[in-house]
N, C-alpha and C. Protein backbone atom coordinates (compact mmCIF):
# COMPACT_ATOMS: atom_id res chain seq x y z
N MET A 1 -4.04 0.79 20.55
CA MET A 1 -3.54 0.71 19.20
C MET A 1 -2.16 0.07 19.23
N LYS A 2 -1.94 -0.84 18.30
CA LYS A 2 -0.64 -1.49 18.19
C LYS A 2 -0.07 -1.26 16.80
N TYR A 3 1.25 -1.26 16.73
CA TYR A 3 1.97 -1.03 15.48
C TYR A 3 3.22 -1.88 15.53
N GLU A 4 3.39 -2.73 14.54
CA GLU A 4 4.53 -3.64 14.53
C GLU A 4 5.41 -3.36 13.31
N VAL A 5 6.71 -3.33 13.54
CA VAL A 5 7.68 -3.10 12.48
C VAL A 5 8.77 -4.15 12.59
N ARG A 6 9.24 -4.61 11.45
CA ARG A 6 10.40 -5.50 11.42
C ARG A 6 11.55 -4.74 10.78
N THR A 7 12.71 -4.79 11.42
CA THR A 7 13.90 -4.18 10.85
C THR A 7 14.92 -5.27 10.57
N ASP A 8 15.78 -5.03 9.59
CA ASP A 8 16.74 -6.06 9.20
C ASP A 8 18.19 -5.64 9.40
N SER A 9 18.38 -4.51 10.11
CA SER A 9 19.75 -4.07 10.40
C SER A 9 19.73 -3.15 11.61
N GLU A 10 20.90 -2.97 12.20
CA GLU A 10 21.02 -2.04 13.32
C GLU A 10 20.65 -0.63 12.86
N GLN A 11 21.09 -0.26 11.64
CA GLN A 11 20.79 1.07 11.12
C GLN A 11 19.28 1.28 10.95
N ALA A 12 18.57 0.27 10.48
CA ALA A 12 17.12 0.39 10.31
C ALA A 12 16.43 0.55 11.66
N THR A 13 16.92 -0.14 12.68
CA THR A 13 16.36 -0.01 14.03
C THR A 13 16.60 1.40 14.56
N GLU A 14 17.81 1.90 14.35
CA GLU A 14 18.13 3.27 14.78
C GLU A 14 17.30 4.29 14.01
N ASP A 15 17.13 4.08 12.71
CA ASP A 15 16.32 5.00 11.90
C ASP A 15 14.87 5.03 12.36
N LEU A 16 14.34 3.89 12.76
CA LEU A 16 12.98 3.85 13.28
C LEU A 16 12.88 4.66 14.57
N GLY A 17 13.87 4.51 15.45
CA GLY A 17 13.91 5.32 16.67
C GLY A 17 13.97 6.80 16.34
N GLU A 18 14.76 7.16 15.32
CA GLU A 18 14.86 8.56 14.92
C GLU A 18 13.51 9.09 14.42
N ALA A 19 12.83 8.29 13.61
CA ALA A 19 11.52 8.71 13.11
C ALA A 19 10.55 8.95 14.26
N LEU A 20 10.61 8.10 15.27
CA LEU A 20 9.77 8.31 16.45
C LEU A 20 10.20 9.56 17.20
N GLY A 21 11.50 9.72 17.42
CA GLY A 21 12.00 10.88 18.17
C GLY A 21 11.58 12.20 17.57
N ARG A 22 11.52 12.28 16.25
CA ARG A 22 11.09 13.52 15.59
C ARG A 22 9.64 13.86 15.90
N ARG A 23 8.86 12.88 16.33
CA ARG A 23 7.43 13.08 16.55
C ARG A 23 7.07 13.22 18.03
N LEU A 24 8.04 13.12 18.92
CA LEU A 24 7.75 13.16 20.35
C LEU A 24 7.55 14.58 20.85
N PHE A 25 6.94 14.69 21.99
CA PHE A 25 6.47 15.96 22.55
C PHE A 25 6.96 16.11 23.99
N PRO A 26 6.93 17.32 24.54
CA PRO A 26 7.35 17.52 25.93
C PRO A 26 6.54 16.63 26.88
N GLY A 27 7.24 15.93 27.75
CA GLY A 27 6.58 15.06 28.72
C GLY A 27 6.35 13.64 28.23
N ALA A 28 6.78 13.33 27.01
CA ALA A 28 6.58 11.98 26.46
C ALA A 28 7.37 10.96 27.28
N VAL A 29 6.77 9.78 27.46
CA VAL A 29 7.40 8.67 28.18
C VAL A 29 7.37 7.45 27.28
N ILE A 30 8.55 6.86 27.06
CA ILE A 30 8.67 5.63 26.29
C ILE A 30 9.16 4.55 27.23
N LEU A 31 8.40 3.48 27.36
CA LEU A 31 8.79 2.34 28.18
C LEU A 31 9.31 1.27 27.23
N LEU A 32 10.61 1.01 27.28
CA LEU A 32 11.30 0.18 26.30
C LEU A 32 11.68 -1.16 26.93
N ASN A 33 11.18 -2.22 26.34
CA ASN A 33 11.39 -3.56 26.89
C ASN A 33 12.01 -4.47 25.83
N GLY A 34 12.74 -5.47 26.30
CA GLY A 34 13.36 -6.45 25.43
C GLY A 34 14.50 -7.13 26.16
N GLU A 35 14.89 -8.28 25.65
CA GLU A 35 15.98 -9.04 26.26
C GLU A 35 17.31 -8.32 26.07
N ILE A 36 18.32 -8.77 26.79
CA ILE A 36 19.68 -8.25 26.60
C ILE A 36 20.08 -8.49 25.15
N GLY A 37 20.62 -7.46 24.51
CA GLY A 37 21.08 -7.58 23.14
C GLY A 37 19.99 -7.42 22.09
N ALA A 38 18.77 -7.09 22.51
CA ALA A 38 17.67 -6.97 21.55
C ALA A 38 17.78 -5.72 20.69
N GLY A 39 18.50 -4.71 21.17
CA GLY A 39 18.63 -3.48 20.39
C GLY A 39 17.99 -2.27 21.04
N LYS A 40 17.76 -2.35 22.35
CA LYS A 40 17.12 -1.22 23.05
C LYS A 40 17.96 0.05 22.96
N THR A 41 19.26 -0.06 23.18
CA THR A 41 20.11 1.13 23.15
C THR A 41 20.26 1.65 21.73
N VAL A 42 20.28 0.77 20.75
CA VAL A 42 20.33 1.21 19.35
C VAL A 42 19.07 2.03 19.04
N PHE A 43 17.93 1.54 19.45
CA PHE A 43 16.66 2.26 19.25
C PHE A 43 16.70 3.60 19.99
N ALA A 44 17.19 3.59 21.24
CA ALA A 44 17.28 4.82 22.04
C ALA A 44 18.20 5.83 21.37
N ARG A 45 19.28 5.36 20.78
CA ARG A 45 20.20 6.24 20.07
C ARG A 45 19.46 6.96 18.94
N GLY A 46 18.59 6.23 18.24
CA GLY A 46 17.80 6.84 17.19
C GLY A 46 16.81 7.86 17.72
N VAL A 47 16.15 7.53 18.84
CA VAL A 47 15.22 8.49 19.45
C VAL A 47 15.96 9.77 19.78
N GLY A 48 17.13 9.64 20.38
CA GLY A 48 17.93 10.82 20.71
C GLY A 48 18.28 11.62 19.48
N ARG A 49 18.66 10.94 18.43
CA ARG A 49 19.00 11.64 17.18
C ARG A 49 17.76 12.39 16.66
N GLY A 50 16.58 11.77 16.74
CA GLY A 50 15.35 12.42 16.31
C GLY A 50 14.99 13.62 17.16
N LEU A 51 15.49 13.64 18.39
CA LEU A 51 15.27 14.78 19.29
C LEU A 51 16.35 15.85 19.13
N GLY A 52 17.31 15.61 18.23
CA GLY A 52 18.35 16.59 17.99
C GLY A 52 19.53 16.50 18.93
N VAL A 53 19.70 15.36 19.60
CA VAL A 53 20.86 15.16 20.47
C VAL A 53 22.07 14.94 19.57
N ASN A 54 23.13 15.71 19.80
CA ASN A 54 24.30 15.67 18.93
C ASN A 54 25.51 15.00 19.55
N VAL A 55 25.31 14.23 20.60
CA VAL A 55 26.42 13.49 21.21
C VAL A 55 26.12 12.01 21.11
N SER A 56 27.15 11.20 21.28
CA SER A 56 26.99 9.76 21.23
C SER A 56 26.13 9.28 22.40
N ILE A 57 25.12 8.50 22.11
CA ILE A 57 24.24 7.97 23.17
C ILE A 57 24.68 6.55 23.49
N GLN A 58 25.05 6.35 24.74
CA GLN A 58 25.51 5.06 25.24
C GLN A 58 24.48 4.50 26.21
N SER A 59 24.54 3.22 26.46
CA SER A 59 23.65 2.61 27.44
C SER A 59 24.00 3.11 28.84
N PRO A 60 22.99 3.52 29.59
CA PRO A 60 23.24 3.96 30.96
C PRO A 60 23.18 2.81 31.97
N THR A 61 23.62 1.62 31.56
CA THR A 61 23.52 0.45 32.43
C THR A 61 24.19 0.69 33.78
N PHE A 62 25.34 1.32 33.80
CA PHE A 62 26.06 1.51 35.06
C PHE A 62 25.79 2.86 35.70
N THR A 63 25.44 3.86 34.90
CA THR A 63 25.14 5.18 35.45
C THR A 63 23.65 5.31 35.78
N LEU A 64 22.83 4.43 35.22
CA LEU A 64 21.37 4.36 35.41
C LEU A 64 20.61 5.47 34.68
N LEU A 65 21.22 6.64 34.49
CA LEU A 65 20.57 7.74 33.79
C LEU A 65 21.61 8.53 33.01
N ASN A 66 21.31 8.78 31.74
CA ASN A 66 22.07 9.72 30.93
C ASN A 66 21.11 10.81 30.49
N ALA A 67 21.46 12.05 30.74
CA ALA A 67 20.64 13.18 30.32
C ALA A 67 21.34 13.88 29.16
N HIS A 68 20.57 14.21 28.14
CA HIS A 68 21.10 14.83 26.93
C HIS A 68 20.27 16.06 26.59
N ARG A 69 20.90 16.97 25.85
CA ARG A 69 20.20 18.17 25.37
C ARG A 69 19.94 18.02 23.88
N GLY A 70 18.72 18.36 23.50
CA GLY A 70 18.31 18.39 22.10
C GLY A 70 17.21 19.42 21.99
N ARG A 71 16.30 19.26 21.03
CA ARG A 71 15.19 20.22 20.96
C ARG A 71 14.33 20.10 22.21
N LEU A 72 14.37 18.94 22.85
CA LEU A 72 13.79 18.70 24.18
C LEU A 72 14.84 17.97 25.00
N PRO A 73 14.84 18.13 26.32
CA PRO A 73 15.74 17.31 27.13
C PRO A 73 15.40 15.82 26.92
N PHE A 74 16.43 14.99 26.89
CA PHE A 74 16.24 13.55 26.68
C PHE A 74 16.86 12.81 27.86
N TYR A 75 15.99 12.10 28.61
CA TYR A 75 16.42 11.35 29.79
C TYR A 75 16.35 9.87 29.45
N HIS A 76 17.50 9.23 29.43
CA HIS A 76 17.62 7.83 29.05
C HIS A 76 17.97 7.01 30.30
N PHE A 77 17.00 6.24 30.77
CA PHE A 77 17.16 5.44 31.99
C PHE A 77 17.38 3.97 31.63
N ASP A 78 18.14 3.27 32.45
CA ASP A 78 18.31 1.83 32.34
C ASP A 78 18.10 1.25 33.73
N LEU A 79 17.03 0.50 33.91
CA LEU A 79 16.66 -0.01 35.24
C LEU A 79 17.14 -1.44 35.48
N TYR A 80 17.97 -1.97 34.60
CA TYR A 80 18.39 -3.37 34.70
C TYR A 80 19.01 -3.70 36.05
N ARG A 81 19.81 -2.83 36.60
CA ARG A 81 20.54 -3.12 37.84
C ARG A 81 19.76 -2.77 39.10
N LEU A 82 18.57 -2.19 38.96
CA LEU A 82 17.80 -1.82 40.15
C LEU A 82 17.02 -3.03 40.67
N ASN A 83 16.84 -3.05 41.99
CA ASN A 83 16.16 -4.18 42.62
C ASN A 83 14.91 -3.81 43.40
N SER A 84 14.67 -2.51 43.61
CA SER A 84 13.52 -2.14 44.44
C SER A 84 12.94 -0.80 44.00
N ASP A 85 11.67 -0.59 44.36
CA ASP A 85 11.01 0.69 44.07
C ASP A 85 11.74 1.84 44.76
N GLU A 86 12.31 1.58 45.93
CA GLU A 86 13.04 2.62 46.65
C GLU A 86 14.19 3.15 45.80
N GLU A 87 14.87 2.27 45.09
CA GLU A 87 15.97 2.71 44.23
C GLU A 87 15.47 3.59 43.09
N LEU A 88 14.23 3.35 42.64
CA LEU A 88 13.65 4.22 41.60
C LEU A 88 13.52 5.65 42.10
N PHE A 89 13.06 5.80 43.33
CA PHE A 89 12.88 7.14 43.90
C PHE A 89 14.23 7.83 44.10
N GLU A 90 15.23 7.07 44.54
CA GLU A 90 16.57 7.63 44.73
C GLU A 90 17.18 8.10 43.41
N LEU A 91 16.80 7.46 42.34
CA LEU A 91 17.31 7.79 41.02
C LEU A 91 16.77 9.14 40.51
N GLY A 92 15.65 9.57 41.05
CA GLY A 92 15.04 10.82 40.59
C GLY A 92 14.16 10.64 39.37
N LEU A 93 13.68 9.45 39.19
CA LEU A 93 12.83 9.15 38.04
C LEU A 93 11.57 10.01 38.02
N ASP A 94 10.98 10.24 39.19
CA ASP A 94 9.75 11.03 39.28
C ASP A 94 9.91 12.41 38.65
N GLU A 95 11.02 13.08 38.95
CA GLU A 95 11.23 14.43 38.44
C GLU A 95 11.32 14.44 36.92
N ALA A 96 12.02 13.47 36.36
CA ALA A 96 12.16 13.41 34.90
C ALA A 96 10.82 13.11 34.24
N LEU A 97 10.06 12.17 34.80
CA LEU A 97 8.78 11.79 34.21
C LEU A 97 7.77 12.93 34.27
N ASP A 98 7.89 13.80 35.25
CA ASP A 98 6.98 14.93 35.38
C ASP A 98 7.49 16.17 34.69
N GLY A 99 8.62 16.09 34.02
CA GLY A 99 9.25 17.27 33.42
C GLY A 99 8.80 17.52 32.00
N GLU A 100 9.51 18.44 31.36
CA GLU A 100 9.18 18.86 30.00
C GLU A 100 10.01 18.14 28.94
N GLY A 101 10.81 17.17 29.37
CA GLY A 101 11.64 16.44 28.42
C GLY A 101 10.97 15.15 27.99
N VAL A 102 11.74 14.33 27.28
CA VAL A 102 11.32 13.00 26.86
C VAL A 102 12.07 12.00 27.72
N SER A 103 11.35 11.07 28.34
CA SER A 103 11.97 10.03 29.17
C SER A 103 11.83 8.69 28.46
N LEU A 104 12.96 8.03 28.25
CA LEU A 104 12.97 6.69 27.68
C LEU A 104 13.53 5.77 28.75
N VAL A 105 12.76 4.74 29.10
CA VAL A 105 13.11 3.86 30.22
C VAL A 105 13.32 2.44 29.71
N GLU A 106 14.59 2.00 29.71
CA GLU A 106 14.89 0.61 29.37
C GLU A 106 14.62 -0.28 30.58
N TRP A 107 14.13 -1.48 30.32
CA TRP A 107 13.81 -2.47 31.35
C TRP A 107 12.64 -2.02 32.23
N ALA A 108 11.72 -1.27 31.68
CA ALA A 108 10.57 -0.78 32.43
C ALA A 108 9.70 -1.93 32.95
N GLU A 109 9.68 -3.06 32.25
CA GLU A 109 8.83 -4.18 32.68
C GLU A 109 9.23 -4.71 34.06
N ARG A 110 10.44 -4.45 34.50
CA ARG A 110 10.88 -4.91 35.81
C ARG A 110 10.13 -4.19 36.93
N PHE A 111 9.55 -3.03 36.62
CA PHE A 111 8.80 -2.24 37.61
C PHE A 111 7.44 -1.85 37.04
N ALA A 112 6.76 -2.83 36.45
CA ALA A 112 5.49 -2.57 35.76
C ALA A 112 4.46 -1.90 36.66
N ASP A 113 4.44 -2.23 37.95
CA ASP A 113 3.46 -1.63 38.86
C ASP A 113 3.71 -0.13 39.05
N TYR A 114 4.92 0.31 38.84
CA TYR A 114 5.27 1.72 39.03
C TYR A 114 4.82 2.57 37.84
N PHE A 115 4.93 2.01 36.64
CA PHE A 115 4.67 2.78 35.43
C PHE A 115 3.20 2.69 35.02
N THR A 116 2.38 3.49 35.68
CA THR A 116 0.94 3.49 35.40
C THR A 116 0.51 4.72 34.61
N MET A 117 1.43 5.65 34.39
CA MET A 117 1.11 6.87 33.65
C MET A 117 0.97 6.54 32.17
N PRO A 118 0.29 7.43 31.42
CA PRO A 118 0.25 7.22 29.97
C PRO A 118 1.66 7.17 29.41
N ALA A 119 1.90 6.23 28.51
CA ALA A 119 3.22 6.06 27.93
C ALA A 119 3.09 5.30 26.62
N LEU A 120 4.13 5.37 25.83
CA LEU A 120 4.24 4.55 24.65
C LEU A 120 5.09 3.35 25.04
N ILE A 121 4.54 2.17 24.88
CA ILE A 121 5.27 0.94 25.22
C ILE A 121 5.89 0.39 23.95
N VAL A 122 7.19 0.08 24.02
CA VAL A 122 7.91 -0.46 22.88
C VAL A 122 8.59 -1.75 23.33
N VAL A 123 8.33 -2.83 22.60
CA VAL A 123 8.96 -4.12 22.91
C VAL A 123 9.76 -4.55 21.69
N ILE A 124 11.05 -4.79 21.92
CA ILE A 124 11.95 -5.21 20.84
C ILE A 124 12.32 -6.68 21.06
N THR A 125 12.13 -7.46 20.00
CA THR A 125 12.46 -8.89 20.04
C THR A 125 13.45 -9.18 18.93
N SER A 126 14.50 -9.91 19.27
CA SER A 126 15.48 -10.32 18.27
C SER A 126 14.90 -11.44 17.44
N ASP A 127 15.02 -11.29 16.14
CA ASP A 127 14.47 -12.25 15.19
C ASP A 127 15.59 -12.87 14.37
N GLY A 128 16.77 -12.92 14.96
CA GLY A 128 17.95 -13.39 14.25
C GLY A 128 19.11 -12.47 14.56
N PHE A 129 20.21 -12.58 13.81
CA PHE A 129 21.41 -11.81 14.10
C PHE A 129 21.17 -10.31 14.01
N THR A 130 20.53 -9.82 12.96
CA THR A 130 20.27 -8.38 12.82
C THR A 130 18.78 -8.05 12.73
N ASN A 131 17.94 -9.03 12.53
CA ASN A 131 16.51 -8.78 12.39
C ASN A 131 15.86 -8.53 13.75
N ARG A 132 14.97 -7.54 13.76
CA ARG A 132 14.25 -7.19 14.98
C ARG A 132 12.77 -7.03 14.68
N GLN A 133 11.96 -7.44 15.65
CA GLN A 133 10.53 -7.17 15.61
C GLN A 133 10.28 -6.12 16.69
N ILE A 134 9.69 -5.01 16.30
CA ILE A 134 9.47 -3.90 17.23
C ILE A 134 7.98 -3.65 17.30
N LEU A 135 7.43 -3.83 18.48
CA LEU A 135 6.00 -3.67 18.71
C LEU A 135 5.76 -2.42 19.54
N PHE A 136 4.95 -1.52 19.01
CA PHE A 136 4.55 -0.30 19.72
C PHE A 136 3.13 -0.50 20.23
N GLN A 137 2.87 -0.03 21.44
CA GLN A 137 1.52 -0.10 21.99
C GLN A 137 1.17 1.23 22.64
N ALA A 138 0.06 1.80 22.22
CA ALA A 138 -0.40 3.09 22.73
C ALA A 138 -1.85 2.98 23.15
N GLU A 139 -2.14 3.30 24.40
CA GLU A 139 -3.50 3.22 24.91
C GLU A 139 -4.22 4.56 24.91
N THR A 140 -3.46 5.67 24.94
CA THR A 140 -4.09 6.99 25.01
C THR A 140 -4.02 7.69 23.66
N GLU A 141 -4.93 8.63 23.45
CA GLU A 141 -5.04 9.33 22.17
C GLU A 141 -3.74 10.04 21.79
N LEU A 142 -3.06 10.63 22.74
CA LEU A 142 -1.84 11.36 22.45
C LEU A 142 -0.78 10.45 21.82
N TYR A 143 -0.58 9.28 22.39
CA TYR A 143 0.41 8.34 21.86
C TYR A 143 -0.11 7.65 20.60
N GLN A 144 -1.41 7.45 20.50
CA GLN A 144 -1.98 6.90 19.27
C GLN A 144 -1.75 7.86 18.11
N HIS A 145 -1.84 9.14 18.38
CA HIS A 145 -1.57 10.16 17.36
C HIS A 145 -0.11 10.05 16.88
N VAL A 146 0.82 9.88 17.81
CA VAL A 146 2.23 9.72 17.45
C VAL A 146 2.40 8.50 16.56
N LEU A 147 1.75 7.39 16.91
CA LEU A 147 1.87 6.18 16.10
C LEU A 147 1.26 6.37 14.72
N ARG A 148 0.12 7.05 14.64
CA ARG A 148 -0.47 7.31 13.33
C ARG A 148 0.48 8.14 12.47
N GLU A 149 1.13 9.13 13.06
CA GLU A 149 2.12 9.92 12.31
C GLU A 149 3.28 9.05 11.84
N LEU A 150 3.72 8.13 12.69
CA LEU A 150 4.81 7.24 12.33
C LEU A 150 4.39 6.34 11.16
N ILE A 151 3.18 5.83 11.22
CA ILE A 151 2.65 4.99 10.14
C ILE A 151 2.53 5.79 8.86
N MET A 152 2.02 7.01 8.96
CA MET A 152 1.83 7.85 7.78
C MET A 152 3.17 8.22 7.15
N GLY A 153 4.23 8.25 7.97
CA GLY A 153 5.56 8.54 7.45
C GLY A 153 5.97 7.55 6.38
N GLY A 154 5.49 6.31 6.52
CA GLY A 154 5.59 5.31 5.49
C GLY A 154 6.97 4.78 5.13
N GLN A 155 8.02 5.14 5.88
CA GLN A 155 9.33 4.66 5.47
C GLN A 155 9.64 3.26 5.99
N PHE A 156 8.72 2.67 6.75
CA PHE A 156 8.98 1.35 7.31
C PHE A 156 7.85 0.41 6.96
N GLY A 157 8.19 -0.83 6.67
CA GLY A 157 7.18 -1.84 6.38
C GLY A 157 6.46 -2.20 7.68
N ALA A 158 5.27 -1.72 7.85
CA ALA A 158 4.58 -1.86 9.12
C ALA A 158 3.39 -2.79 9.01
N ASN A 159 3.02 -3.31 10.15
CA ASN A 159 1.84 -4.14 10.26
C ASN A 159 0.99 -3.57 11.39
N PRO A 160 0.21 -2.50 11.11
CA PRO A 160 -0.59 -1.91 12.16
C PRO A 160 -1.70 -2.84 12.60
N GLY A 161 -1.98 -2.82 13.88
CA GLY A 161 -3.06 -3.62 14.43
C GLY A 161 -3.83 -2.83 15.45
N ASN A 162 -4.89 -3.38 15.95
CA ASN A 162 -5.67 -2.71 16.98
C ASN A 162 -5.39 -3.39 18.25
């Protein structure tokens, strides 16, 4: 199942992330892809807000992982600076992915062979200065259910596809 949304501001992108965050469940994995400056961290900030995180969410580009407390633990990874699968293991990614929190992984496409578990894939593309195209892809029923709830929420102009 695919779901596409276009946003026209940073706030709209963050609000979409928040709407998703409110619908996530323990053990959820979001694989977030997009070019530098596409709005991945803005979207992640919204997901955190939807999970009830009450602190400022920053990009973990240099720390590689930021952990936050909300209604569920929120693990925000940035794999941009990693170069090998070995570095993934050193980061402790396995423990977070197998835990009861929500894991959001920026730059997941760099290690596509590693991420074979069920996940919600999100690709953000810049469509101009503030416009973004956000494509959600869910292969399993659990994530398809989340997308259906997001669509039913109706606050975003969506173009659902199969």
